[in-house]
Every structure is written in structure tokens, then in C-alpha cells.
């Protein structure tokens, strides 16, 4: 039986912040600028960036639980954009849930 992990450590937060940062940097837009799909993608990326910012804010204030939630939401926005074909995940099945 595995040990119950019921604490969010600084190390775990740093790991997920870095993972999400790598995903954000690696994924590249598929739709052309000026298209409706690109507009939708920009909304999704803004959400990812806002949640990443929130995660850093919560972490700096010692609220690791909210920071952990926020960084996972950030990554989910990026991952969703890859999954629905608005971002190219370049075959990386570690950072993304590929289509």
C-alpha cells in the first residue's frame, strides 16, 4: 500500500510550476492569426497565464493548497487546447494528453 500524500510541499509546487511553464513554452498555436479559432485559443492561453500567476501569488503567500489547485487549472487549459487541436503539443505525451 502506498503512503498517503496529504500535504502540498514547496518542492511539489515548484515541480508543477516548472512543468506547466515547459508546457506553455513548448505548445505552439495551430490556427492562423485573425481567425475565430485563434481568438478562442488566445482566451484559453490567457486563462492559463492568469491561473499560473495566481498560483505564484498563492505560493508566495504560503497558501500551497490554492497554489496547487491554480497551477493544475493552468496546465489543464494548455492541455485542453492541445487536445482540441488549437495548440500543437509536438508529440509530447508527458506534458500533454495528445489527441
N, C-alpha and C. Protein backbone atom coordinates (compact mmCIF):
# COMPACT_ATOMS: atom_id res chain seq x y z
N UNK A 1 0.85 -1.17 0.00
CA UNK A 1 0.00 0.00 0.00
C UNK A 1 0.90 1.24 0.00
N UNK A 2 0.55 2.22 -0.80
CA UNK A 2 1.36 3.43 -0.88
C UNK A 2 1.03 4.38 0.27
N UNK A 3 2.00 5.19 0.57
CA UNK A 3 1.85 6.17 1.65
C UNK A 3 0.91 7.29 1.21
N UNK A 4 -0.01 7.65 2.08
CA UNK A 4 -0.94 8.74 1.80
C UNK A 4 -0.16 10.05 1.72
N UNK A 5 -0.39 10.79 0.64
CA UNK A 5 0.25 12.10 0.47
C UNK A 5 -0.83 13.16 0.59
N UNK A 6 -0.92 13.75 1.76
CA UNK A 6 -1.97 14.73 2.01
C UNK A 6 -1.42 16.13 2.29
N UNK A 7 -0.20 16.36 1.87
CA UNK A 7 0.43 17.67 2.06
C UNK A 7 0.95 18.17 0.71
N UNK A 8 0.83 19.46 0.50
CA UNK A 8 1.40 20.08 -0.70
C UNK A 8 2.69 20.77 -0.26
N UNK A 9 3.79 20.25 -0.72
CA UNK A 9 5.09 20.80 -0.35
C UNK A 9 5.53 21.88 -1.34
N UNK A 10 6.48 22.67 -0.91
CA UNK A 10 7.06 23.68 -1.80
C UNK A 10 7.71 23.00 -3.00
N UNK A 11 8.38 21.88 -2.77
CA UNK A 11 9.02 21.15 -3.86
C UNK A 11 8.00 20.68 -4.90
N UNK A 12 6.86 20.18 -4.42
CA UNK A 12 5.82 19.73 -5.34
C UNK A 12 5.28 20.90 -6.16
N UNK A 13 5.07 22.02 -5.51
CA UNK A 13 4.59 23.21 -6.23
C UNK A 13 5.59 23.66 -7.27
N UNK A 14 6.84 23.71 -6.91
CA UNK A 14 7.88 24.11 -7.86
C UNK A 14 7.89 23.16 -9.06
N UNK A 15 7.76 21.87 -8.79
CA UNK A 15 7.72 20.88 -9.87
C UNK A 15 6.58 21.18 -10.83
N UNK A 16 5.38 21.41 -10.32
CA UNK A 16 4.23 21.66 -11.20
C UNK A 16 4.28 23.03 -11.86
N UNK A 17 4.83 24.00 -11.20
CA UNK A 17 5.02 25.31 -11.84
C UNK A 17 5.96 25.17 -13.03
N UNK A 18 7.06 24.44 -12.85
CA UNK A 18 8.02 24.24 -13.93
C UNK A 18 7.43 23.40 -15.05
N UNK A 19 6.67 22.36 -14.71
CA UNK A 19 6.04 21.52 -15.71
C UNK A 19 5.08 22.33 -16.58
N UNK A 20 4.28 23.17 -15.95
CA UNK A 20 3.33 23.99 -16.69
C UNK A 20 4.05 25.03 -17.53
N UNK A 21 5.12 25.59 -17.00
CA UNK A 21 5.91 26.55 -17.77
C UNK A 21 6.50 25.88 -19.02
N UNK A 22 6.98 24.66 -18.88
CA UNK A 22 7.51 23.92 -20.03
C UNK A 22 6.42 23.66 -21.06
N UNK A 23 5.25 23.28 -20.58
CA UNK A 23 4.13 23.01 -21.49
C UNK A 23 3.73 24.28 -22.24
N UNK A 24 3.68 25.39 -21.52
CA UNK A 24 3.29 26.67 -22.14
C UNK A 24 4.30 27.07 -23.22
N UNK A 25 5.58 26.83 -22.95
CA UNK A 25 6.63 27.20 -23.90
C UNK A 25 6.67 26.26 -25.11
N UNK A 26 6.37 24.99 -24.88
CA UNK A 26 6.50 24.00 -25.95
C UNK A 26 5.34 24.03 -26.94
N UNK A 27 4.15 24.19 -26.44
CA UNK A 27 2.96 24.14 -27.30
C UNK A 27 2.92 25.37 -28.20
N UNK A 28 2.65 25.13 -29.47
CA UNK A 28 2.61 26.25 -30.42
C UNK A 28 1.23 26.34 -31.07
N UNK A 29 0.81 27.56 -31.37
CA UNK A 29 -0.52 27.76 -31.96
C UNK A 29 -0.64 27.10 -33.33
N UNK A 30 -1.81 26.54 -33.58
CA UNK A 30 -2.13 25.96 -34.88
C UNK A 30 -2.93 26.93 -35.74
N UNK A 31 -3.96 27.58 -35.20
CA UNK A 31 -4.78 28.45 -36.07
C UNK A 31 -4.04 29.70 -36.52
N UNK A 32 -4.40 30.19 -37.66
CA UNK A 32 -3.84 31.43 -38.18
C UNK A 32 -4.37 32.62 -37.38
N UNK A 33 -3.53 33.64 -37.26
CA UNK A 33 -3.96 34.87 -36.59
C UNK A 33 -5.16 35.45 -37.31
N UNK A 34 -6.05 36.05 -36.53
CA UNK A 34 -7.23 36.69 -37.09
C UNK A 34 -8.42 35.76 -37.28
N UNK A 35 -8.21 34.46 -37.04
CA UNK A 35 -9.32 33.52 -37.18
C UNK A 35 -10.06 33.39 -35.85
N UNK A 36 -11.29 32.90 -35.94
CA UNK A 36 -12.07 32.67 -34.72
C UNK A 36 -11.40 31.64 -33.82
N UNK A 37 -10.81 30.60 -34.42
CA UNK A 37 -10.10 29.60 -33.60
C UNK A 37 -8.92 30.23 -32.86
N UNK A 38 -8.22 31.13 -33.51
CA UNK A 38 -7.11 31.81 -32.83
C UNK A 38 -7.63 32.68 -31.69
N UNK A 39 -8.74 33.34 -31.90
CA UNK A 39 -9.34 34.14 -30.83
C UNK A 39 -9.69 33.26 -29.63
N UNK A 40 -10.26 32.09 -29.91
CA UNK A 40 -10.59 31.16 -28.82
C UNK A 40 -9.32 30.69 -28.11
N UNK A 41 -8.30 30.39 -28.89
CA UNK A 41 -7.03 29.96 -28.31
C UNK A 41 -6.46 31.04 -27.40
N UNK A 42 -6.51 32.28 -27.82
CA UNK A 42 -5.97 33.36 -27.00
C UNK A 42 -6.70 33.47 -25.66
N UNK A 43 -8.00 33.22 -25.67
CA UNK A 43 -8.76 33.22 -24.41
C UNK A 43 -8.25 32.08 -23.52
N UNK A 44 -8.05 30.92 -24.10
CA UNK A 44 -7.57 29.77 -23.32
C UNK A 44 -6.18 30.03 -22.75
N UNK A 45 -5.30 30.60 -23.56
CA UNK A 45 -3.94 30.88 -23.08
C UNK A 45 -3.94 31.96 -22.00
N UNK A 46 -4.83 32.93 -22.14
CA UNK A 46 -4.94 33.96 -21.10
C UNK A 46 -5.39 33.33 -19.78
N UNK A 47 -6.33 32.41 -19.85
CA UNK A 47 -6.77 31.70 -18.65
C UNK A 47 -5.59 30.94 -18.02
N UNK A 48 -4.82 30.24 -18.86
CA UNK A 48 -3.66 29.50 -18.37
C UNK A 48 -2.67 30.45 -17.70
N UNK A 49 -2.39 31.57 -18.33
CA UNK A 49 -1.44 32.53 -17.78
C UNK A 49 -1.96 33.14 -16.47
N UNK A 50 -3.26 33.44 -16.44
CA UNK A 50 -3.84 34.02 -15.22
C UNK A 50 -3.79 33.02 -14.06
N UNK A 51 -4.12 31.77 -14.33
CA UNK A 51 -4.05 30.76 -13.27
C UNK A 51 -2.60 30.52 -12.82
N UNK A 52 -1.65 30.56 -13.75
CA UNK A 52 -0.23 30.43 -13.37
C UNK A 52 0.18 31.58 -12.46
N UNK A 53 -0.24 32.76 -12.81
CA UNK A 53 0.06 33.93 -11.99
C UNK A 53 -0.57 33.80 -10.61
N UNK A 54 -1.81 33.35 -10.59
CA UNK A 54 -2.49 33.13 -9.30
C UNK A 54 -1.73 32.12 -8.46
N UNK A 55 -1.27 31.04 -9.08
CA UNK A 55 -0.54 30.00 -8.35
C UNK A 55 0.71 30.59 -7.69
N UNK A 56 1.44 31.41 -8.42
CA UNK A 56 2.65 32.03 -7.86
C UNK A 56 2.30 32.98 -6.72
N UNK A 57 1.21 33.70 -6.87
CA UNK A 57 0.75 34.61 -5.81
C UNK A 57 0.38 33.82 -4.55
N UNK A 58 -0.42 32.77 -4.72
CA UNK A 58 -0.82 31.95 -3.57
C UNK A 58 0.40 31.32 -2.90
N UNK A 59 1.33 30.83 -3.70
CA UNK A 59 2.53 30.20 -3.14
C UNK A 59 3.33 31.21 -2.33
N UNK A 60 3.50 32.41 -2.88
CA UNK A 60 4.26 33.45 -2.18
C UNK A 60 3.62 33.82 -0.84
N UNK A 61 2.31 33.64 -0.76
CA UNK A 61 1.60 33.95 0.48
C UNK A 61 1.42 32.73 1.38
N UNK A 62 2.07 31.63 1.02
CA UNK A 62 2.04 30.43 1.85
C UNK A 62 0.77 29.59 1.71
N UNK A 63 -0.07 29.91 0.76
CA UNK A 63 -1.30 29.15 0.54
C UNK A 63 -1.05 28.10 -0.52
N UNK A 64 -0.41 27.02 -0.10
CA UNK A 64 0.02 25.99 -1.03
C UNK A 64 -1.13 25.20 -1.63
N UNK A 65 -2.21 25.05 -0.89
CA UNK A 65 -3.35 24.30 -1.41
C UNK A 65 -3.97 25.04 -2.59
N UNK A 66 -4.22 26.32 -2.45
CA UNK A 66 -4.77 27.10 -3.56
C UNK A 66 -3.77 27.21 -4.71
N UNK A 67 -2.49 27.32 -4.38
CA UNK A 67 -1.45 27.37 -5.43
C UNK A 67 -1.46 26.08 -6.24
N UNK A 68 -1.58 24.95 -5.57
CA UNK A 68 -1.60 23.66 -6.25
C UNK A 68 -2.82 23.55 -7.16
N UNK A 69 -3.96 23.98 -6.66
CA UNK A 69 -5.16 23.97 -7.49
C UNK A 69 -5.02 24.87 -8.70
N UNK A 70 -4.50 26.07 -8.49
CA UNK A 70 -4.38 27.04 -9.58
C UNK A 70 -3.42 26.56 -10.67
N UNK A 71 -2.30 25.98 -10.28
CA UNK A 71 -1.33 25.56 -11.30
C UNK A 71 -1.88 24.37 -12.09
N UNK A 72 -2.67 23.55 -11.45
CA UNK A 72 -3.29 22.44 -12.18
C UNK A 72 -4.36 22.94 -13.15
N UNK A 73 -5.10 23.96 -12.77
CA UNK A 73 -6.04 24.58 -13.69
C UNK A 73 -5.29 25.19 -14.88
N UNK A 74 -4.18 25.85 -14.61
CA UNK A 74 -3.39 26.46 -15.69
C UNK A 74 -2.96 25.40 -16.70
N UNK A 75 -2.44 24.31 -16.19
CA UNK A 75 -1.97 23.25 -17.08
C UNK A 75 -3.14 22.65 -17.85
N UNK A 76 -4.27 22.54 -17.19
CA UNK A 76 -5.45 21.96 -17.86
C UNK A 76 -5.90 22.80 -19.05
N UNK A 77 -5.82 24.13 -18.94
CA UNK A 77 -6.18 24.98 -20.08
C UNK A 77 -5.25 24.73 -21.27
N UNK A 78 -3.96 24.60 -21.00
CA UNK A 78 -3.00 24.33 -22.07
C UNK A 78 -3.25 22.95 -22.66
N UNK A 79 -3.43 21.98 -21.79
CA UNK A 79 -3.66 20.61 -22.22
C UNK A 79 -4.93 20.50 -23.05
N UNK A 80 -5.97 21.21 -22.64
CA UNK A 80 -7.23 21.19 -23.39
C UNK A 80 -7.05 21.77 -24.78
N UNK A 81 -6.28 22.84 -24.89
CA UNK A 81 -6.03 23.46 -26.20
C UNK A 81 -5.28 22.51 -27.12
N UNK A 82 -4.37 21.71 -26.56
CA UNK A 82 -3.68 20.69 -27.36
C UNK A 82 -4.68 19.61 -27.77
N UNK A 83 -5.46 19.16 -26.82
CA UNK A 83 -6.41 18.07 -27.07
C UNK A 83 -7.41 18.41 -28.17
N UNK A 84 -7.88 19.65 -28.20
CA UNK A 84 -8.90 20.01 -29.21
C UNK A 84 -8.29 20.57 -30.50
N UNK A 85 -6.96 20.57 -30.58
CA UNK A 85 -6.31 20.93 -31.83
C UNK A 85 -6.05 22.41 -32.06
N UNK A 86 -6.05 23.20 -30.99
CA UNK A 86 -5.70 24.61 -31.14
C UNK A 86 -4.22 24.87 -30.87
N UNK A 87 -3.58 23.97 -30.16
CA UNK A 87 -2.14 24.02 -29.92
C UNK A 87 -1.52 22.71 -30.38
N UNK A 88 -0.30 22.80 -30.88
CA UNK A 88 0.47 21.62 -31.26
C UNK A 88 1.37 21.24 -30.08
N UNK A 89 1.18 20.03 -29.56
CA UNK A 89 1.99 19.55 -28.44
C UNK A 89 3.26 18.85 -28.89
N UNK A 90 3.50 18.80 -30.19
CA UNK A 90 4.72 18.25 -30.77
C UNK A 90 5.01 16.83 -30.30
N UNK A 91 3.94 16.05 -30.15
CA UNK A 91 4.10 14.63 -29.80
C UNK A 91 4.51 14.36 -28.37
N UNK A 92 4.53 15.35 -27.51
CA UNK A 92 4.98 15.18 -26.13
C UNK A 92 3.83 14.64 -25.27
N UNK A 93 3.88 13.33 -25.01
CA UNK A 93 2.82 12.73 -24.22
C UNK A 93 3.12 12.73 -22.72
N UNK A 94 4.15 13.43 -22.32
CA UNK A 94 4.43 13.64 -20.90
C UNK A 94 3.78 14.96 -20.46
N UNK A 95 3.94 15.99 -21.28
CA UNK A 95 3.38 17.29 -20.93
C UNK A 95 1.90 17.42 -21.29
N UNK A 96 1.44 16.62 -22.25
CA UNK A 96 0.09 16.80 -22.78
C UNK A 96 -0.65 15.48 -22.92
N UNK A 97 -1.98 15.59 -22.92
CA UNK A 97 -2.84 14.48 -23.32
C UNK A 97 -3.06 14.67 -24.81
N UNK A 98 -2.41 13.88 -25.60
CA UNK A 98 -2.43 14.09 -27.04
C UNK A 98 -3.73 13.61 -27.66
N UNK A 99 -4.11 14.26 -28.76
CA UNK A 99 -5.34 13.84 -29.47
C UNK A 99 -5.27 12.39 -29.93
